[in-house]
Amino acid sequence: MDYGLYIVTDEILAPGCSHIQIARESLAGGANIIQLRDKRRGGAELYIIAKEIRSLCNEYSAGFIVNDRLDIALLTGADGVHLGQDDIPVSAVRTLAPRPFIIGISVGSVEEAILAEKGGADYLGVGPVYPTETKKDAGPAVGPSLIRKIREKTKIPIVAIGGINLSNTRDVIDAGADGIAVISAVICSPDIKIASRKFVQLLSGKPSVV
């Protein structure tokens, strides 16, 4: 899977813009992966939303990941689930969801990264790389240096997250990240499609054209 531009949906950060709208515009701008993240809605609502985003991702040949909710991911045919350090262990998830189902896990240290890889994770969400207000419990910024250290000790893909914007993306990729998880820099912009396209062009090395 191409982790390139990995967009995380968040209706709280983008008032008046639904998960589906965020996904649709991000995909139109070239996003490679959409992660549905919602800590408030119940399973019935999330199931309907996830089904629609799954369909959109199919249209654009993009990946679809669900945050935390393994049940929603499996029921809607998502490509995978993303877990935090306090969620269900990767090894337990793998018994219910064998590969090619993808399991990503958030890590904030080399030790956590090594354990995640040994446990069967398919990719690592490393961060927060830079200071961010998007996730209040994200902890202190780790900087691109941690990506470099984790890259030296692990082989699975790394997706950098936390405070990623157009000005620091290149530093993150140069440190060894395989993709960037972007939230506010895209979904809080006046035009989500154009914002996504700028990141895609930057990642591809092409000059920015809107």
N, C-alpha and C. Protein backbone atom coordinates (compact mmCIF):
# COMPACT_ATOMS: atom_id res chain seq x y z
N MET A 1 0.84 -1.20 0.00
CA MET A 1 0.00 0.00 0.00
C MET A 1 0.88 1.25 0.00
N ASP A 2 0.46 2.24 -0.77
CA ASP A 2 1.16 3.52 -0.81
C ASP A 2 0.63 4.40 0.32
N TYR A 3 1.49 4.70 1.30
CA TYR A 3 1.05 5.46 2.46
C TYR A 3 1.13 6.97 2.21
N GLY A 4 1.85 7.40 1.17
CA GLY A 4 1.95 8.79 0.75
C GLY A 4 1.21 9.83 1.57
N LEU A 5 0.07 10.26 1.08
CA LEU A 5 -0.75 11.23 1.80
C LEU A 5 -1.90 10.50 2.49
N TYR A 6 -1.84 10.50 3.81
CA TYR A 6 -2.75 9.74 4.66
C TYR A 6 -3.59 10.76 5.43
N ILE A 7 -4.86 10.88 5.06
CA ILE A 7 -5.73 11.89 5.67
C ILE A 7 -6.58 11.29 6.78
N VAL A 8 -6.59 11.95 7.92
CA VAL A 8 -7.42 11.53 9.05
C VAL A 8 -8.62 12.47 9.15
N THR A 9 -9.82 11.92 9.10
CA THR A 9 -11.01 12.75 9.17
C THR A 9 -11.32 13.15 10.61
N ASP A 10 -11.87 14.35 10.79
CA ASP A 10 -12.20 14.83 12.12
C ASP A 10 -13.25 15.94 11.98
N GLU A 11 -14.48 15.65 12.34
CA GLU A 11 -15.57 16.63 12.18
C GLU A 11 -15.48 17.75 13.19
N ILE A 12 -14.83 17.52 14.32
CA ILE A 12 -14.71 18.56 15.33
C ILE A 12 -13.78 19.67 14.84
N LEU A 13 -12.70 19.28 14.19
CA LEU A 13 -11.75 20.27 13.67
C LEU A 13 -12.27 20.98 12.43
N ALA A 14 -13.19 20.35 11.74
CA ALA A 14 -13.73 20.94 10.51
C ALA A 14 -15.24 21.09 10.65
N PRO A 15 -15.69 22.04 11.48
CA PRO A 15 -17.13 22.22 11.72
C PRO A 15 -17.90 22.44 10.42
N GLY A 16 -19.02 21.76 10.31
CA GLY A 16 -19.84 21.90 9.12
C GLY A 16 -19.39 21.03 7.97
N CYS A 17 -18.33 20.28 8.18
CA CYS A 17 -17.80 19.41 7.13
C CYS A 17 -17.82 17.97 7.65
N SER A 18 -18.56 17.10 7.01
CA SER A 18 -18.72 15.73 7.48
C SER A 18 -17.51 14.87 7.13
N HIS A 19 -17.44 13.72 7.77
CA HIS A 19 -16.39 12.75 7.46
C HIS A 19 -16.41 12.42 5.96
N ILE A 20 -17.61 12.24 5.44
CA ILE A 20 -17.75 11.87 4.03
C ILE A 20 -17.28 13.00 3.12
N GLN A 21 -17.61 14.24 3.47
CA GLN A 21 -17.15 15.38 2.67
C GLN A 21 -15.63 15.49 2.70
N ILE A 22 -15.06 15.32 3.89
CA ILE A 22 -13.60 15.38 4.02
C ILE A 22 -12.95 14.31 3.16
N ALA A 23 -13.49 13.10 3.24
CA ALA A 23 -12.94 11.99 2.46
C ALA A 23 -13.06 12.26 0.96
N ARG A 24 -14.24 12.70 0.53
CA ARG A 24 -14.47 12.93 -0.90
C ARG A 24 -13.51 13.97 -1.46
N GLU A 25 -13.36 15.10 -0.78
CA GLU A 25 -12.50 16.17 -1.26
C GLU A 25 -11.02 15.79 -1.19
N SER A 26 -10.64 15.09 -0.14
CA SER A 26 -9.24 14.67 0.00
C SER A 26 -8.87 13.69 -1.11
N LEU A 27 -9.76 12.76 -1.40
CA LEU A 27 -9.51 11.79 -2.45
C LEU A 27 -9.45 12.45 -3.81
N ALA A 28 -10.30 13.44 -4.03
CA ALA A 28 -10.28 14.17 -5.29
C ALA A 28 -8.95 14.92 -5.46
N GLY A 29 -8.34 15.27 -4.34
CA GLY A 29 -7.05 15.95 -4.37
C GLY A 29 -5.86 15.01 -4.46
N GLY A 30 -6.14 13.69 -4.41
CA GLY A 30 -5.07 12.72 -4.59
C GLY A 30 -4.63 11.96 -3.36
N ALA A 31 -5.37 12.04 -2.25
CA ALA A 31 -4.99 11.32 -1.03
C ALA A 31 -4.90 9.82 -1.29
N ASN A 32 -3.92 9.18 -0.67
CA ASN A 32 -3.70 7.74 -0.85
C ASN A 32 -4.51 6.90 0.13
N ILE A 33 -4.71 7.43 1.33
CA ILE A 33 -5.42 6.69 2.38
C ILE A 33 -6.32 7.64 3.15
N ILE A 34 -7.49 7.16 3.52
CA ILE A 34 -8.39 7.89 4.41
C ILE A 34 -8.56 7.08 5.69
N GLN A 35 -8.35 7.75 6.83
CA GLN A 35 -8.65 7.11 8.11
C GLN A 35 -9.86 7.79 8.72
N LEU A 36 -10.87 7.01 9.03
CA LEU A 36 -12.06 7.51 9.71
C LEU A 36 -11.80 7.50 11.21
N ARG A 37 -11.81 8.70 11.80
CA ARG A 37 -11.58 8.80 13.25
C ARG A 37 -12.72 9.58 13.88
N ASP A 38 -13.45 8.94 14.78
CA ASP A 38 -14.57 9.58 15.46
C ASP A 38 -14.74 8.89 16.81
N LYS A 39 -14.51 9.66 17.87
CA LYS A 39 -14.59 9.11 19.23
C LYS A 39 -15.99 9.29 19.84
N ARG A 40 -16.89 9.98 19.13
CA ARG A 40 -18.18 10.34 19.73
C ARG A 40 -19.35 9.48 19.26
N ARG A 41 -19.37 9.14 18.00
CA ARG A 41 -20.54 8.47 17.42
C ARG A 41 -20.64 7.00 17.84
N GLY A 42 -21.87 6.53 17.86
CA GLY A 42 -22.12 5.13 18.17
C GLY A 42 -21.88 4.26 16.95
N GLY A 43 -21.94 2.96 17.16
CA GLY A 43 -21.63 2.02 16.10
C GLY A 43 -22.55 2.11 14.90
N ALA A 44 -23.85 2.35 15.13
CA ALA A 44 -24.80 2.40 14.02
C ALA A 44 -24.46 3.52 13.05
N GLU A 45 -24.19 4.71 13.58
CA GLU A 45 -23.84 5.85 12.72
C GLU A 45 -22.49 5.63 12.03
N LEU A 46 -21.52 5.15 12.79
CA LEU A 46 -20.19 4.94 12.22
C LEU A 46 -20.23 3.90 11.10
N TYR A 47 -21.06 2.89 11.26
CA TYR A 47 -21.18 1.86 10.23
C TYR A 47 -21.63 2.46 8.91
N ILE A 48 -22.64 3.31 8.95
CA ILE A 48 -23.16 3.95 7.74
C ILE A 48 -22.12 4.85 7.10
N ILE A 49 -21.43 5.64 7.93
CA ILE A 49 -20.39 6.54 7.42
C ILE A 49 -19.25 5.75 6.81
N ALA A 50 -18.83 4.72 7.51
CA ALA A 50 -17.70 3.90 7.04
C ALA A 50 -18.03 3.21 5.72
N LYS A 51 -19.25 2.75 5.56
CA LYS A 51 -19.65 2.10 4.30
C LYS A 51 -19.53 3.08 3.14
N GLU A 52 -19.93 4.32 3.37
CA GLU A 52 -19.86 5.32 2.31
C GLU A 52 -18.42 5.66 1.97
N ILE A 53 -17.58 5.80 2.99
CA ILE A 53 -16.18 6.12 2.74
C ILE A 53 -15.48 4.95 2.06
N ARG A 54 -15.84 3.73 2.43
CA ARG A 54 -15.28 2.55 1.75
C ARG A 54 -15.58 2.62 0.25
N SER A 55 -16.79 2.99 -0.07
CA SER A 55 -17.19 3.09 -1.47
C SER A 55 -16.40 4.18 -2.19
N LEU A 56 -16.21 5.32 -1.53
CA LEU A 56 -15.45 6.42 -2.12
C LEU A 56 -14.00 6.00 -2.36
N CYS A 57 -13.41 5.34 -1.39
CA CYS A 57 -12.02 4.90 -1.52
C CYS A 57 -11.87 3.89 -2.66
N ASN A 58 -12.88 3.06 -2.84
CA ASN A 58 -12.85 2.12 -3.96
C ASN A 58 -12.83 2.86 -5.29
N GLU A 59 -13.61 3.93 -5.38
CA GLU A 59 -13.67 4.72 -6.62
C GLU A 59 -12.31 5.29 -6.98
N TYR A 60 -11.55 5.68 -5.96
CA TYR A 60 -10.26 6.31 -6.19
C TYR A 60 -9.08 5.36 -6.01
N SER A 61 -9.37 4.08 -5.84
CA SER A 61 -8.32 3.07 -5.61
C SER A 61 -7.43 3.48 -4.44
N ALA A 62 -8.05 3.97 -3.38
CA ALA A 62 -7.33 4.42 -2.19
C ALA A 62 -7.60 3.47 -1.03
N GLY A 63 -6.73 3.51 -0.04
CA GLY A 63 -6.89 2.68 1.13
C GLY A 63 -7.85 3.29 2.13
N PHE A 64 -8.50 2.44 2.91
CA PHE A 64 -9.44 2.90 3.94
C PHE A 64 -9.11 2.22 5.26
N ILE A 65 -8.83 3.06 6.27
CA ILE A 65 -8.48 2.60 7.61
C ILE A 65 -9.48 3.17 8.61
N VAL A 66 -9.86 2.38 9.60
CA VAL A 66 -10.75 2.85 10.66
C VAL A 66 -9.95 2.96 11.95
N ASN A 67 -10.09 4.08 12.64
CA ASN A 67 -9.39 4.28 13.90
C ASN A 67 -10.11 3.54 15.03
N ASP A 68 -9.37 2.73 15.76
CA ASP A 68 -9.84 2.05 16.98
C ASP A 68 -10.87 0.93 16.76
N ARG A 69 -11.91 1.21 15.98
CA ARG A 69 -13.07 0.32 15.91
C ARG A 69 -12.85 -0.85 14.95
N LEU A 70 -12.31 -1.93 15.50
CA LEU A 70 -12.08 -3.13 14.70
C LEU A 70 -13.40 -3.67 14.15
N ASP A 71 -14.46 -3.60 14.93
CA ASP A 71 -15.75 -4.11 14.48
C ASP A 71 -16.25 -3.38 13.24
N ILE A 72 -16.14 -2.06 13.25
CA ILE A 72 -16.58 -1.26 12.10
C ILE A 72 -15.69 -1.55 10.90
N ALA A 73 -14.40 -1.68 11.13
CA ALA A 73 -13.46 -1.96 10.04
C ALA A 73 -13.80 -3.28 9.36
N LEU A 74 -14.04 -4.31 10.13
CA LEU A 74 -14.32 -5.62 9.57
C LEU A 74 -15.68 -5.67 8.88
N LEU A 75 -16.68 -5.05 9.49
CA LEU A 75 -18.03 -5.11 8.94
C LEU A 75 -18.19 -4.32 7.65
N THR A 76 -17.35 -3.31 7.46
CA THR A 76 -17.49 -2.46 6.27
C THR A 76 -16.44 -2.76 5.20
N GLY A 77 -15.63 -3.78 5.43
CA GLY A 77 -14.64 -4.15 4.43
C GLY A 77 -13.49 -3.17 4.32
N ALA A 78 -13.17 -2.50 5.42
CA ALA A 78 -12.03 -1.57 5.41
C ALA A 78 -10.74 -2.35 5.17
N ASP A 79 -9.73 -1.64 4.71
CA ASP A 79 -8.43 -2.28 4.49
C ASP A 79 -7.71 -2.58 5.79
N GLY A 80 -8.08 -1.85 6.85
CA GLY A 80 -7.40 -2.08 8.11
C GLY A 80 -7.91 -1.24 9.24
N VAL A 81 -7.22 -1.33 10.36
CA VAL A 81 -7.57 -0.59 11.57
C VAL A 81 -6.31 0.05 12.12
N HIS A 82 -6.48 1.22 12.77
CA HIS A 82 -5.34 1.86 13.42
C HIS A 82 -5.57 1.86 14.93
N LEU A 83 -4.58 1.40 15.67
CA LEU A 83 -4.70 1.24 17.12
C LEU A 83 -3.71 2.12 17.87
N GLY A 84 -4.09 2.47 19.10
CA GLY A 84 -3.20 3.19 19.98
C GLY A 84 -2.52 2.22 20.94
N GLN A 85 -1.64 2.74 21.76
CA GLN A 85 -0.91 1.89 22.71
C GLN A 85 -1.81 1.24 23.75
N ASP A 86 -2.97 1.83 24.02
CA ASP A 86 -3.86 1.29 25.04
C ASP A 86 -5.02 0.50 24.45
N ASP A 87 -5.00 0.29 23.14
CA ASP A 87 -6.07 -0.46 22.49
C ASP A 87 -5.79 -1.97 22.52
N ILE A 88 -6.64 -2.72 21.84
CA ILE A 88 -6.48 -4.17 21.77
C ILE A 88 -5.10 -4.52 21.22
N PRO A 89 -4.40 -5.48 21.82
CA PRO A 89 -3.08 -5.87 21.31
C PRO A 89 -3.13 -6.31 19.85
N VAL A 90 -2.09 -5.97 19.12
CA VAL A 90 -2.01 -6.34 17.71
C VAL A 90 -2.16 -7.85 17.52
N SER A 91 -1.52 -8.61 18.38
CA SER A 91 -1.57 -10.07 18.27
C SER A 91 -3.00 -10.59 18.38
N ALA A 92 -3.81 -9.96 19.24
CA ALA A 92 -5.20 -10.39 19.41
C ALA A 92 -6.03 -10.02 18.18
N VAL A 93 -5.78 -8.84 17.63
CA VAL A 93 -6.50 -8.41 16.43
C VAL A 93 -6.18 -9.34 15.27
N ARG A 94 -4.93 -9.74 15.18
CA ARG A 94 -4.50 -10.58 14.07
C ARG A 94 -5.21 -11.93 14.05
N THR A 95 -5.63 -12.43 15.20
CA THR A 95 -6.34 -13.70 15.23
C THR A 95 -7.72 -13.58 14.57
N LEU A 96 -8.30 -12.39 14.62
CA LEU A 96 -9.60 -12.15 14.01
C LEU A 96 -9.48 -11.64 12.58
N ALA A 97 -8.35 -10.98 12.30
CA ALA A 97 -8.18 -10.33 11.00
C ALA A 97 -6.81 -10.66 10.41
N PRO A 98 -6.69 -11.83 9.79
CA PRO A 98 -5.41 -12.20 9.18
C PRO A 98 -5.09 -11.30 7.99
N ARG A 99 -3.83 -11.24 7.62
CA ARG A 99 -3.43 -10.47 6.44
C ARG A 99 -4.18 -10.99 5.22
N PRO A 100 -4.55 -10.12 4.27
CA PRO A 100 -3.98 -8.80 4.03
C PRO A 100 -4.59 -7.65 4.84
N PHE A 101 -5.47 -7.92 5.81
CA PHE A 101 -5.99 -6.86 6.66
C PHE A 101 -4.82 -6.14 7.33
N ILE A 102 -4.85 -4.82 7.30
CA ILE A 102 -3.73 -4.01 7.78
C ILE A 102 -3.96 -3.55 9.22
N ILE A 103 -2.92 -3.64 10.03
CA ILE A 103 -2.97 -3.14 11.40
C ILE A 103 -1.87 -2.11 11.57
N GLY A 104 -2.28 -0.87 11.86
CA GLY A 104 -1.32 0.18 12.16
C GLY A 104 -1.35 0.48 13.64
N ILE A 105 -0.26 0.92 14.20
CA ILE A 105 -0.23 1.23 15.62
C ILE A 105 0.57 2.50 15.88
N SER A 106 0.06 3.33 16.77
CA SER A 106 0.75 4.57 17.13
C SER A 106 1.90 4.28 18.08
N VAL A 107 3.05 4.86 17.79
CA VAL A 107 4.21 4.68 18.67
C VAL A 107 4.89 6.02 18.90
N GLY A 108 5.54 6.13 20.06
CA GLY A 108 6.22 7.37 20.39
C GLY A 108 7.64 7.15 20.86
N SER A 109 8.16 5.93 20.62
CA SER A 109 9.53 5.63 21.01
C SER A 109 10.05 4.47 20.17
N VAL A 110 11.36 4.30 20.17
CA VAL A 110 11.97 3.19 19.43
C VAL A 110 11.50 1.85 20.01
N GLU A 111 11.41 1.79 21.33
CA GLU A 111 11.01 0.55 22.00
C GLU A 111 9.59 0.14 21.60
N GLU A 112 8.67 1.11 21.58
CA GLU A 112 7.30 0.81 21.18
C GLU A 112 7.24 0.36 19.72
N ALA A 113 8.07 0.98 18.89
CA ALA A 113 8.10 0.62 17.47
C ALA A 113 8.57 -0.82 17.27
N ILE A 114 9.61 -1.19 17.96
CA ILE A 114 10.16 -2.55 17.84
C ILE A 114 9.13 -3.57 18.31
N LEU A 115 8.47 -3.30 19.43
CA LEU A 115 7.45 -4.21 19.95
C LEU A 115 6.26 -4.32 19.00
N ALA A 116 5.88 -3.21 18.40
CA ALA A 116 4.75 -3.22 17.47
C ALA A 116 5.06 -4.09 16.26
N GLU A 117 6.27 -3.94 15.73
CA GLU A 117 6.66 -4.74 14.57
C GLU A 117 6.71 -6.22 14.93
N LYS A 118 7.29 -6.54 16.08
CA LYS A 118 7.36 -7.94 16.51
C LYS A 118 5.97 -8.51 16.75
N GLY A 119 5.03 -7.64 17.18
CA GLY A 119 3.68 -8.10 17.47
C GLY A 119 2.83 -8.33 16.24
N GLY A 120 3.31 -7.88 15.09
CA GLY A 120 2.56 -8.12 13.86
C GLY A 120 1.96 -6.90 13.19
N ALA A 121 2.36 -5.70 13.64
CA ALA A 121 1.85 -4.48 13.00
C ALA A 121 2.36 -4.38 11.57
N ASP A 122 1.56 -3.75 10.71
CA ASP A 122 1.93 -3.59 9.30
C ASP A 122 2.56 -2.23 9.02
N TYR A 123 2.23 -1.24 9.85
CA TYR A 123 2.87 0.07 9.73
C TYR A 123 2.85 0.76 11.08
N LEU A 124 3.70 1.77 11.22
CA LEU A 124 3.82 2.52 12.46
C LEU A 124 3.38 3.96 12.26
N GLY A 125 2.54 4.45 13.15
CA GLY A 125 2.18 5.87 13.15
C GLY A 125 3.07 6.54 14.19
N VAL A 126 4.08 7.26 13.73
CA VAL A 126 5.08 7.85 14.64
C VAL A 126 4.78 9.32 14.88
N GLY A 127 4.71 9.68 16.17
CA GLY A 127 4.46 11.08 16.47
C GLY A 127 4.03 11.30 17.91
N PRO A 128 3.65 12.55 18.22
CA PRO A 128 3.59 13.67 17.29
C PRO A 128 4.99 14.16 16.92
N VAL A 129 5.23 14.31 15.62
CA VAL A 129 6.54 14.76 15.17
C VAL A 129 6.77 16.20 15.56
N TYR A 130 5.75 17.02 15.37
CA TYR A 130 5.81 18.44 15.73
C TYR A 130 4.67 18.76 16.69
N PRO A 131 4.76 19.88 17.41
CA PRO A 131 3.67 20.25 18.32
C PRO A 131 2.34 20.33 17.58
N THR A 132 1.30 19.83 18.21
CA THR A 132 -0.02 19.83 17.58
C THR A 132 -1.11 20.00 18.62
N GLU A 133 -2.19 20.66 18.19
CA GLU A 133 -3.36 20.82 19.05
C GLU A 133 -4.47 19.86 18.63
N THR A 134 -4.21 19.11 17.59
CA THR A 134 -5.23 18.21 17.05
C THR A 134 -5.61 17.12 18.03
N LYS A 135 -4.63 16.56 18.72
CA LYS A 135 -4.88 15.47 19.67
C LYS A 135 -4.30 15.87 21.01
N LYS A 136 -5.17 16.18 21.95
CA LYS A 136 -4.76 16.75 23.23
C LYS A 136 -3.87 15.82 24.05
N ASP A 137 -4.03 14.50 23.88
CA ASP A 137 -3.26 13.55 24.68
C ASP A 137 -2.08 12.97 23.91
N ALA A 138 -1.66 13.67 22.87
CA ALA A 138 -0.62 13.12 21.99
C ALA A 138 0.77 13.10 22.61
N GLY A 139 1.00 13.91 23.64
CA GLY A 139 2.32 13.94 24.26
C GLY A 139 3.23 14.95 23.59
N PRO A 140 4.46 15.08 24.08
CA PRO A 140 5.40 16.06 23.52
C PRO A 140 5.89 15.67 22.13
N ALA A 141 6.26 16.68 21.35
CA ALA A 141 6.76 16.43 20.00
C ALA A 141 8.07 15.65 20.06
N VAL A 142 8.21 14.70 19.13
CA VAL A 142 9.40 13.83 19.13
C VAL A 142 10.42 14.26 18.09
N GLY A 143 9.99 15.05 17.10
CA GLY A 143 10.92 15.53 16.08
C GLY A 143 11.25 14.46 15.03
N PRO A 144 11.77 14.88 13.88
CA PRO A 144 12.14 13.94 12.82
C PRO A 144 13.23 12.96 13.25
N SER A 145 13.99 13.32 14.27
CA SER A 145 15.08 12.45 14.71
C SER A 145 14.57 11.09 15.17
N LEU A 146 13.38 11.05 15.77
CA LEU A 146 12.84 9.76 16.22
C LEU A 146 12.48 8.90 15.01
N ILE A 147 11.98 9.51 13.97
CA ILE A 147 11.69 8.75 12.75
C ILE A 147 12.96 8.09 12.23
N ARG A 148 14.03 8.85 12.24
CA ARG A 148 15.32 8.33 11.76
C ARG A 148 15.77 7.15 12.61
N LYS A 149 15.62 7.26 13.93
CA LYS A 149 16.04 6.18 14.83
C LYS A 149 15.17 4.94 14.65
N ILE A 150 13.86 5.14 14.49
CA ILE A 150 12.96 4.01 14.29
C ILE A 150 13.22 3.34 12.95
N ARG A 151 13.52 4.15 11.95
CA ARG A 151 13.81 3.60 10.62
C ARG A 151 15.01 2.67 10.67
N GLU A 152 15.99 2.99 11.51
CA GLU A 152 17.19 2.17 11.64
C GLU A 152 16.91 0.83 12.31
N LYS A 153 15.84 0.77 13.11
CA LYS A 153 15.56 -0.43 13.90
C LYS A 153 14.39 -1.27 13.40
N THR A 154 13.63 -0.74 12.45
CA THR A 154 12.46 -1.47 11.95
C THR A 154 12.43 -1.48 10.43
N LYS A 155 11.60 -2.38 9.89
CA LYS A 155 11.50 -2.53 8.43
C LYS A 155 10.13 -2.17 7.87
N ILE A 156 9.10 -2.15 8.71
CA ILE A 156 7.76 -1.87 8.21
C ILE A 156 7.58 -0.37 7.96
N PRO A 157 6.61 0.01 7.14
CA PRO A 157 6.41 1.42 6.80
C PRO A 157 6.15 2.32 8.01
N ILE A 158 6.61 3.55 7.89
CA ILE A 158 6.42 4.57 8.92
C ILE A 158 5.55 5.69 8.36
N VAL A 159 4.50 6.04 9.09
CA VAL A 159 3.67 7.18 8.74
C VAL A 159 3.85 8.22 9.83
N ALA A 160 4.39 9.36 9.46
CA ALA A 160 4.62 10.44 10.43
C ALA A 160 3.32 11.20 10.67
N ILE A 161 3.08 11.58 11.92
CA ILE A 161 1.85 12.31 12.24
C ILE A 161 2.14 13.36 13.31
N GLY A 162 1.39 14.43 13.26
CA GLY A 162 1.51 15.47 14.28
C GLY A 162 2.19 16.73 13.77
N GLY A 163 1.39 17.76 13.51
CA GLY A 163 1.95 19.05 13.11
C GLY A 163 2.58 19.05 11.72
N ILE A 164 2.21 18.10 10.88
CA ILE A 164 2.79 18.03 9.54
C ILE A 164 2.15 19.10 8.64
N ASN A 165 2.99 19.88 7.97
CA ASN A 165 2.50 20.88 7.02
C ASN A 165 3.41 20.91 5.80
N LEU A 166 3.12 21.80 4.88
CA LEU A 166 3.90 21.87 3.64
C LEU A 166 5.36 22.23 3.87
N SER A 167 5.63 23.00 4.91
CA SER A 167 6.99 23.48 5.13
C SER A 167 7.89 22.44 5.79
N ASN A 168 7.31 21.45 6.49
CA ASN A 168 8.16 20.46 7.17
C ASN A 168 8.04 19.04 6.60
N THR A 169 7.21 18.86 5.60
CA THR A 169 7.01 17.53 5.01
C THR A 169 8.31 16.93 4.50
N ARG A 170 9.11 17.72 3.81
CA ARG A 170 10.34 17.21 3.23
C ARG A 170 11.29 16.70 4.32
N ASP A 171 11.36 17.39 5.45
CA ASP A 171 12.24 16.95 6.54
C ASP A 171 11.80 15.59 7.08
N VAL A 172 10.49 15.40 7.15
CA VAL A 172 9.93 14.15 7.66
C VAL A 172 10.24 12.99 6.71
N ILE A 173 10.05 13.22 5.42
CA ILE A 173 10.32 12.18 4.43
C ILE A 173 11.82 11.87 4.38
N ASP A 174 12.64 12.90 4.44
CA ASP A 174 14.09 12.70 4.42
C ASP A 174 14.57 11.91 5.63
N ALA A 175 13.83 12.00 6.74
CA ALA A 175 14.20 11.27 7.95
C ALA A 175 13.86 9.79 7.85
N GLY A 176 13.05 9.42 6.85
CA GLY A 176 12.74 8.00 6.67
C GLY A 176 11.28 7.62 6.67
N ALA A 177 10.39 8.61 6.77
CA ALA A 177 8.96 8.28 6.75
C ALA A 177 8.52 7.85 5.36
N ASP A 178 7.60 6.89 5.30
CA ASP A 178 7.05 6.42 4.04
C ASP A 178 5.79 7.18 3.65
N GLY A 179 5.24 7.90 4.61
CA GLY A 179 4.03 8.67 4.35
C GLY A 179 3.81 9.69 5.44
N ILE A 180 2.87 10.60 5.20
CA ILE A 180 2.54 11.61 6.20
C ILE A 180 1.05 11.59 6.49
N ALA A 181 0.71 11.53 7.77
CA ALA A 181 -0.69 11.63 8.18
C ALA A 181 -0.98 13.09 8.46
N VAL A 182 -1.87 13.66 7.67
CA VAL A 182 -2.17 15.08 7.78
C VAL A 182 -3.61 15.26 8.22
N ILE A 183 -3.80 16.17 9.15
CA ILE A 183 -5.17 16.44 9.62
C ILE A 183 -5.49 17.92 9.37
N SER A 184 -5.14 18.78 10.31
CA SER A 184 -5.56 20.18 10.24
C SER A 184 -5.05 20.92 9.01
N ALA A 185 -3.84 20.60 8.54
CA ALA A 185 -3.28 21.31 7.38
C ALA A 185 -4.11 21.07 6.12
N VAL A 186 -4.93 20.04 6.12
CA VAL A 186 -5.82 19.78 4.98
C VAL A 186 -7.26 20.07 5.33
N ILE A 187 -7.78 19.43 6.38
CA ILE A 187 -9.22 19.51 6.62
C ILE A 187 -9.67 20.86 7.19
N CYS A 188 -8.75 21.66 7.70
CA CYS A 188 -9.10 22.99 8.19
C CYS A 188 -8.86 24.08 7.14
N SER A 189 -8.42 23.67 5.97
CA SER A 189 -8.14 24.63 4.91
C SER A 189 -9.44 25.04 4.20
N PRO A 190 -9.46 26.19 3.54
CA PRO A 190 -10.66 26.63 2.84
C PRO A 190 -11.07 25.68 1.72
N ASP A 191 -10.09 25.01 1.11
CA ASP A 191 -10.37 24.08 0.02
C ASP A 191 -9.58 22.80 0.26
N ILE A 192 -10.26 21.78 0.74
CA ILE A 192 -9.62 20.51 1.10
C ILE A 192 -8.98 19.85 -0.13
N LYS A 193 -9.64 19.91 -1.24
CA LYS A 193 -9.12 19.30 -2.46
C LYS A 193 -7.80 19.92 -2.88
N ILE A 194 -7.74 21.24 -2.90
CA ILE A 194 -6.51 21.93 -3.29
C ILE A 194 -5.40 21.69 -2.28
N ALA A 195 -5.75 21.71 -0.99
CA ALA A 195 -4.75 21.47 0.05
C ALA A 195 -4.15 20.08 -0.09
N SER A 196 -4.99 19.09 -0.37
CA SER A 196 -4.51 17.72 -0.57
C SER A 196 -3.59 17.65 -1.78
N ARG A 197 -3.99 18.31 -2.85
CA ARG A 197 -3.21 18.28 -4.08
C ARG A 197 -1.81 18.87 -3.88
N LYS A 198 -1.72 19.91 -3.07
CA LYS A 198 -0.41 20.53 -2.80
C LYS A 198 0.52 19.55 -2.10
N PHE A 199 -0.02 18.78 -1.15
CA PHE A 199 0.80 17.78 -0.46
C PHE A 199 1.22 16.67 -1.42
N VAL A 200 0.30 16.23 -2.27
CA VAL A 200 0.61 15.18 -3.23
C VAL A 200 1.72 15.62 -4.17
N GLN A 201 1.63 16.86 -4.64
CA GLN A 201 2.66 17.39 -5.54
C GLN A 201 3.99 17.51 -4.82
N LEU A 202 3.97 17.91 -3.57
CA LEU A 202 5.20 18.02 -2.80
C LEU A 202 5.85 16.64 -2.61
N LEU A 203 5.03 15.66 -2.30
CA LEU A 203 5.54 14.31 -2.09
C LEU A 203 6.10 13.70 -3.39
N SER A 204 5.52 14.10 -4.51
CA SER A 204 5.96 13.56 -5.79
C SER A 204 7.16 14.31 -6.35
N GLY A 205 7.49 15.44 -5.72
CA GLY A 205 8.61 16.24 -6.20
C GLY A 205 8.27 17.16 -7.33
N LYS A 206 6.97 17.24 -7.66
CA LYS A 206 6.55 18.11 -8.75
C LYS A 206 6.28 19.52 -8.24
N PRO A 207 6.41 20.53 -9.07
CA PRO A 207 6.10 21.90 -8.65
C PRO A 207 4.63 22.06 -8.35
N SER A 208 4.30 22.93 -7.40
CA SER A 208 2.92 23.11 -6.98
C SER A 208 2.11 23.82 -8.05
N VAL A 209 1.01 23.17 -8.47
CA VAL A 209 0.11 23.76 -9.44
C VAL A 209 -1.30 23.53 -8.94
N VAL A 210 -2.10 24.57 -8.80
CA VAL A 210 -3.45 24.42 -8.28
C VAL A 210 -4.48 24.70 -9.36
